Amino acid sequence: MSLGTLHVLPLLRELNKVHYGSEDPIRGTVSVRYTTSKLKHHEHSELFAHLRIELRLTGRVEIGRATSLKNARICVKSEVLHDGSVKLMPGSQAHYPFEITFPPHAEPKFNTLVSAEQTDGGQWKFHKRTTSVTTEPLPPTLRSTEHEGVAKRALAIRYILDAVVEMPGFDVDVVHPPLGKDVLYDQPRIPASATAMLSE
């Protein structure tokens, strides 16, 4: 029988803030609330256990229509926010402030070349090697909808922050929000001093 339930809620400090570049951090708090069943022997039982919280920032491109949606990953960044003990009474909450930055660029693209050679025994051996690695800056957050007759075609570039909570070794249910937090991103802004120099 489960000891209770952990309710996980990540909260952004500034919900609609645009983050300019990887030097502009995302700040907020992960709230973990502990609840138990109404049974007498669970109602006042303290939970003392090991808690692990991982933040996961994922960037992706979404293209498609209402009936079908295709995803392509741009980037992913994970950081451990907490990995230690926690003590919770039923109905109480623990708050974990966080600060995480965007990665400096999108995931690298590897260009490969496959070559083949025939052995003395007549068998073919294939060799794959990387010829080049390219990196590109992160694209800004985007939402666009086009009409194709009666159908709609949507394009979105999204950055989503999730908090993943685990309590290893304990029979506790963990309830995560069904959707992560959308975080707004744009390219780093040019400092005003540099803009003034360019205009001279």
Protein backbone atom coordinates (compact mmCIF):
# COMPACT_ATOMS: atom_id res chain seq x y z
CA MET A 1 0.00 0.00 0.00
CA SER A 2 1.29 3.45 -0.95
CA LEU A 3 2.55 5.69 1.87
CA GLY A 4 1.05 8.71 0.14
CA THR A 5 1.41 11.01 -2.83
CA LEU A 6 3.95 13.65 -3.82
CA HIS A 7 2.45 16.46 -5.91
CA VAL A 8 5.12 18.19 -8.01
CA LEU A 9 4.62 21.75 -9.27
CA PRO A 10 7.34 23.77 -11.05
CA LEU A 11 6.70 27.53 -10.93
CA LEU A 12 8.48 30.21 -12.97
CA ARG A 13 9.36 33.45 -11.19
CA GLU A 14 8.47 35.50 -14.30
CA LEU A 15 5.93 33.64 -16.40
CA ASN A 16 6.10 35.67 -19.64
CA LYS A 17 9.72 36.79 -19.46
CA VAL A 18 11.74 36.45 -22.67
CA HIS A 19 15.20 35.03 -21.99
CA TYR A 20 17.87 36.52 -24.26
CA GLY A 21 20.68 34.05 -24.83
CA SER A 22 22.30 31.49 -22.56
CA GLU A 23 23.46 34.13 -20.05
CA ASP A 24 19.87 35.05 -19.11
CA PRO A 25 18.82 32.40 -16.54
CA ILE A 26 15.39 30.89 -15.95
CA ARG A 27 14.48 31.24 -12.27
CA GLY A 28 11.72 29.67 -10.27
CA THR A 29 10.77 27.13 -7.62
CA VAL A 30 9.83 23.47 -7.60
CA SER A 31 7.16 22.79 -4.98
CA VAL A 32 6.71 19.25 -3.61
CA ARG A 33 3.58 18.65 -1.50
CA TYR A 34 2.97 15.45 0.47
CA THR A 35 -0.53 14.06 1.03
CA THR A 36 -1.76 10.81 2.58
CA SER A 37 -5.00 8.86 2.61
CA LYS A 38 -7.64 9.59 5.24
CA LEU A 39 -6.88 6.34 7.04
CA LYS A 40 -6.00 6.97 10.69
CA HIS A 41 -2.64 5.22 10.63
CA HIS A 42 -1.50 7.35 7.64
CA GLU A 43 -3.03 10.69 8.53
CA HIS A 44 -0.24 11.91 10.83
CA SER A 45 2.70 9.82 9.60
CA GLU A 46 5.86 11.79 8.83
CA LEU A 47 7.76 10.96 5.65
CA PHE A 48 11.56 10.97 5.94
CA ALA A 49 13.19 9.77 2.75
CA HIS A 50 15.66 10.38 -0.06
CA LEU A 51 14.37 12.78 -2.72
CA ARG A 52 15.83 13.45 -6.16
CA ILE A 53 14.69 16.37 -8.33
CA GLU A 54 15.96 16.82 -11.86
CA LEU A 55 15.22 19.81 -14.08
CA ARG A 56 14.91 19.10 -17.79
CA LEU A 57 14.85 21.88 -20.40
CA THR A 58 13.88 20.64 -23.87
CA GLY A 59 13.69 22.60 -27.11
CA ARG A 60 11.74 21.21 -30.03
CA VAL A 61 10.18 22.03 -33.37
CA GLU A 62 6.54 21.03 -33.84
CA ILE A 63 5.11 20.88 -37.36
CA GLY A 64 1.75 19.52 -38.36
CA ARG A 65 -1.99 19.71 -38.53
CA ALA A 66 -4.69 18.96 -35.98
CA THR A 67 -4.67 15.28 -36.97
CA SER A 68 -0.90 14.74 -37.05
CA LEU A 69 2.03 16.43 -35.34
CA LYS A 70 5.73 15.85 -35.99
CA ASN A 71 8.41 16.72 -33.44
CA ALA A 72 12.13 17.29 -33.88
CA ARG A 73 14.39 17.95 -30.91
CA ILE A 74 16.54 21.08 -30.92
CA CYS A 75 18.26 20.68 -27.57
CA VAL A 76 17.98 19.12 -24.14
CA LYS A 77 19.66 20.13 -20.89
CA SER A 78 19.34 18.36 -17.53
CA GLU A 79 20.46 19.51 -14.09
CA VAL A 80 20.01 17.90 -10.68
CA LEU A 81 18.30 20.39 -8.38
CA HIS A 82 18.20 18.25 -5.22
CA ASP A 83 19.60 14.84 -4.36
CA GLY A 84 19.29 14.26 -0.63
CA SER A 85 16.98 13.75 2.31
CA VAL A 86 13.61 15.39 2.90
CA LYS A 87 11.23 15.39 5.88
CA LEU A 88 7.55 16.02 5.18
CA MET A 89 4.40 15.91 7.28
CA PRO A 90 1.06 15.18 5.54
CA GLY A 91 -0.22 18.39 3.94
CA SER A 92 3.17 20.12 4.10
CA GLN A 93 5.30 21.37 1.21
CA ALA A 94 8.98 21.70 0.46
CA HIS A 95 10.19 24.44 -1.90
CA TYR A 96 13.35 24.20 -4.00
CA PRO A 97 14.47 27.41 -5.76
CA PHE A 98 16.23 26.88 -9.06
CA GLU A 99 18.21 28.71 -11.71
CA ILE A 100 18.94 27.06 -15.06
CA THR A 101 20.31 28.54 -18.29
CA PHE A 102 19.70 27.67 -21.92
CA PRO A 103 22.45 25.70 -23.66
CA PRO A 104 24.82 27.88 -25.74
CA HIS A 105 23.71 26.28 -29.02
CA ALA A 106 21.48 23.62 -30.54
CA GLU A 107 22.50 19.96 -30.48
CA PRO A 108 25.39 19.33 -32.90
CA LYS A 109 24.72 17.78 -36.28
CA PHE A 110 27.10 15.03 -37.34
CA ASN A 111 27.82 14.53 -41.03
CA THR A 112 29.03 11.00 -41.76
CA LEU A 113 30.49 9.06 -44.65
CA VAL A 114 30.20 5.31 -45.18
CA SER A 115 32.92 3.44 -47.05
CA ALA A 116 33.13 -0.24 -47.99
CA GLU A 117 36.01 -2.62 -48.59
CA GLN A 118 36.08 -6.24 -49.61
CA THR A 119 38.16 -8.70 -47.59
CA ASP A 120 40.27 -11.49 -49.06
CA GLY A 121 37.45 -13.89 -48.24
CA GLY A 122 35.04 -11.93 -50.43
CA GLN A 123 33.03 -10.38 -47.58
CA TRP A 124 32.24 -6.70 -47.45
CA LYS A 125 33.11 -4.54 -44.45
CA PHE A 126 31.46 -1.16 -43.99
CA HIS A 127 33.08 1.71 -42.10
CA LYS A 128 31.27 4.79 -40.89
CA ARG A 129 33.21 7.93 -40.00
CA THR A 130 32.31 11.46 -39.02
CA THR A 131 33.42 13.99 -41.62
CA SER A 132 32.25 17.17 -39.89
CA VAL A 133 30.31 18.47 -36.91
CA THR A 134 28.22 21.63 -37.16
CA THR A 135 26.51 23.63 -34.43
CA GLU A 136 23.87 26.31 -34.87
CA PRO A 137 22.46 28.93 -32.48
CA LEU A 138 19.17 28.21 -30.77
CA PRO A 139 16.21 29.54 -32.76
CA PRO A 140 13.83 31.93 -31.00
CA THR A 141 10.44 30.85 -29.69
CA LEU A 142 7.89 30.88 -32.50
CA ARG A 143 4.23 30.10 -33.14
CA SER A 144 2.76 30.33 -36.63
CA THR A 145 -0.44 29.06 -38.27
CA GLU A 146 -1.10 28.90 -42.01
CA HIS A 147 -4.40 28.09 -43.70
CA GLU A 148 -4.33 25.51 -46.49
CA GLY A 149 -7.90 25.58 -47.76
CA VAL A 150 -10.05 24.44 -44.85
CA ALA A 151 -7.09 22.88 -43.03
CA LYS A 152 -4.63 24.60 -40.70
CA ARG A 153 -0.90 23.96 -40.70
CA ALA A 154 0.96 24.95 -37.55
CA LEU A 155 4.65 25.54 -36.85
CA ALA A 156 6.02 26.05 -33.37
CA ILE A 157 9.44 26.29 -31.76
CA ARG A 158 9.01 25.62 -28.06
CA TYR A 159 11.25 25.39 -25.00
CA ILE A 160 9.69 23.39 -22.18
CA LEU A 161 10.88 23.04 -18.59
CA ASP A 162 9.94 19.92 -16.60
CA ALA A 163 10.75 18.80 -13.07
CA VAL A 164 11.20 15.04 -12.64
CA VAL A 165 10.90 13.82 -9.03
CA GLU A 166 11.88 10.39 -7.70
CA MET A 167 11.84 8.87 -4.22
CA PRO A 168 13.81 5.62 -4.62
CA GLY A 169 13.07 2.78 -2.22
CA PHE A 170 9.72 4.16 -1.03
CA ASP A 171 6.22 3.20 -2.12
CA VAL A 172 5.07 6.74 -2.86
CA ASP A 173 2.98 7.91 -5.81
CA VAL A 174 4.47 10.89 -7.67
CA VAL A 175 2.10 13.16 -9.60
CA HIS A 176 3.77 15.40 -12.20
CA PRO A 177 1.88 18.08 -14.16
CA PRO A 178 0.70 16.72 -17.54
CA LEU A 179 2.43 19.60 -19.35
CA GLY A 180 5.74 21.31 -18.67
CA LYS A 181 6.25 25.06 -18.39
CA ASP A 182 6.76 26.91 -21.68
CA VAL A 183 9.78 29.22 -21.49
CA LEU A 184 10.29 32.06 -23.99
CA TYR A 185 13.67 32.42 -25.71
CA ASP A 186 15.29 34.83 -28.16
CA GLN A 187 18.78 35.58 -29.46
CA PRO A 188 21.04 37.69 -27.21
CA ARG A 189 20.37 41.40 -27.57
CA ILE A 190 23.09 43.71 -28.86
CA PRO A 191 24.18 46.05 -26.03
CA ALA A 192 22.98 49.64 -26.44
CA SER A 193 26.59 50.91 -26.44
CA ALA A 194 27.46 48.65 -29.41
CA THR A 195 24.32 49.77 -31.28
CA ALA A 196 25.30 53.42 -30.76
CA MET A 197 28.79 52.76 -32.14
CA LEU A 198 27.36 51.06 -35.25
CA SER A 199 25.04 53.98 -35.99
CA GLU A 200 27.90 56.52 -35.93
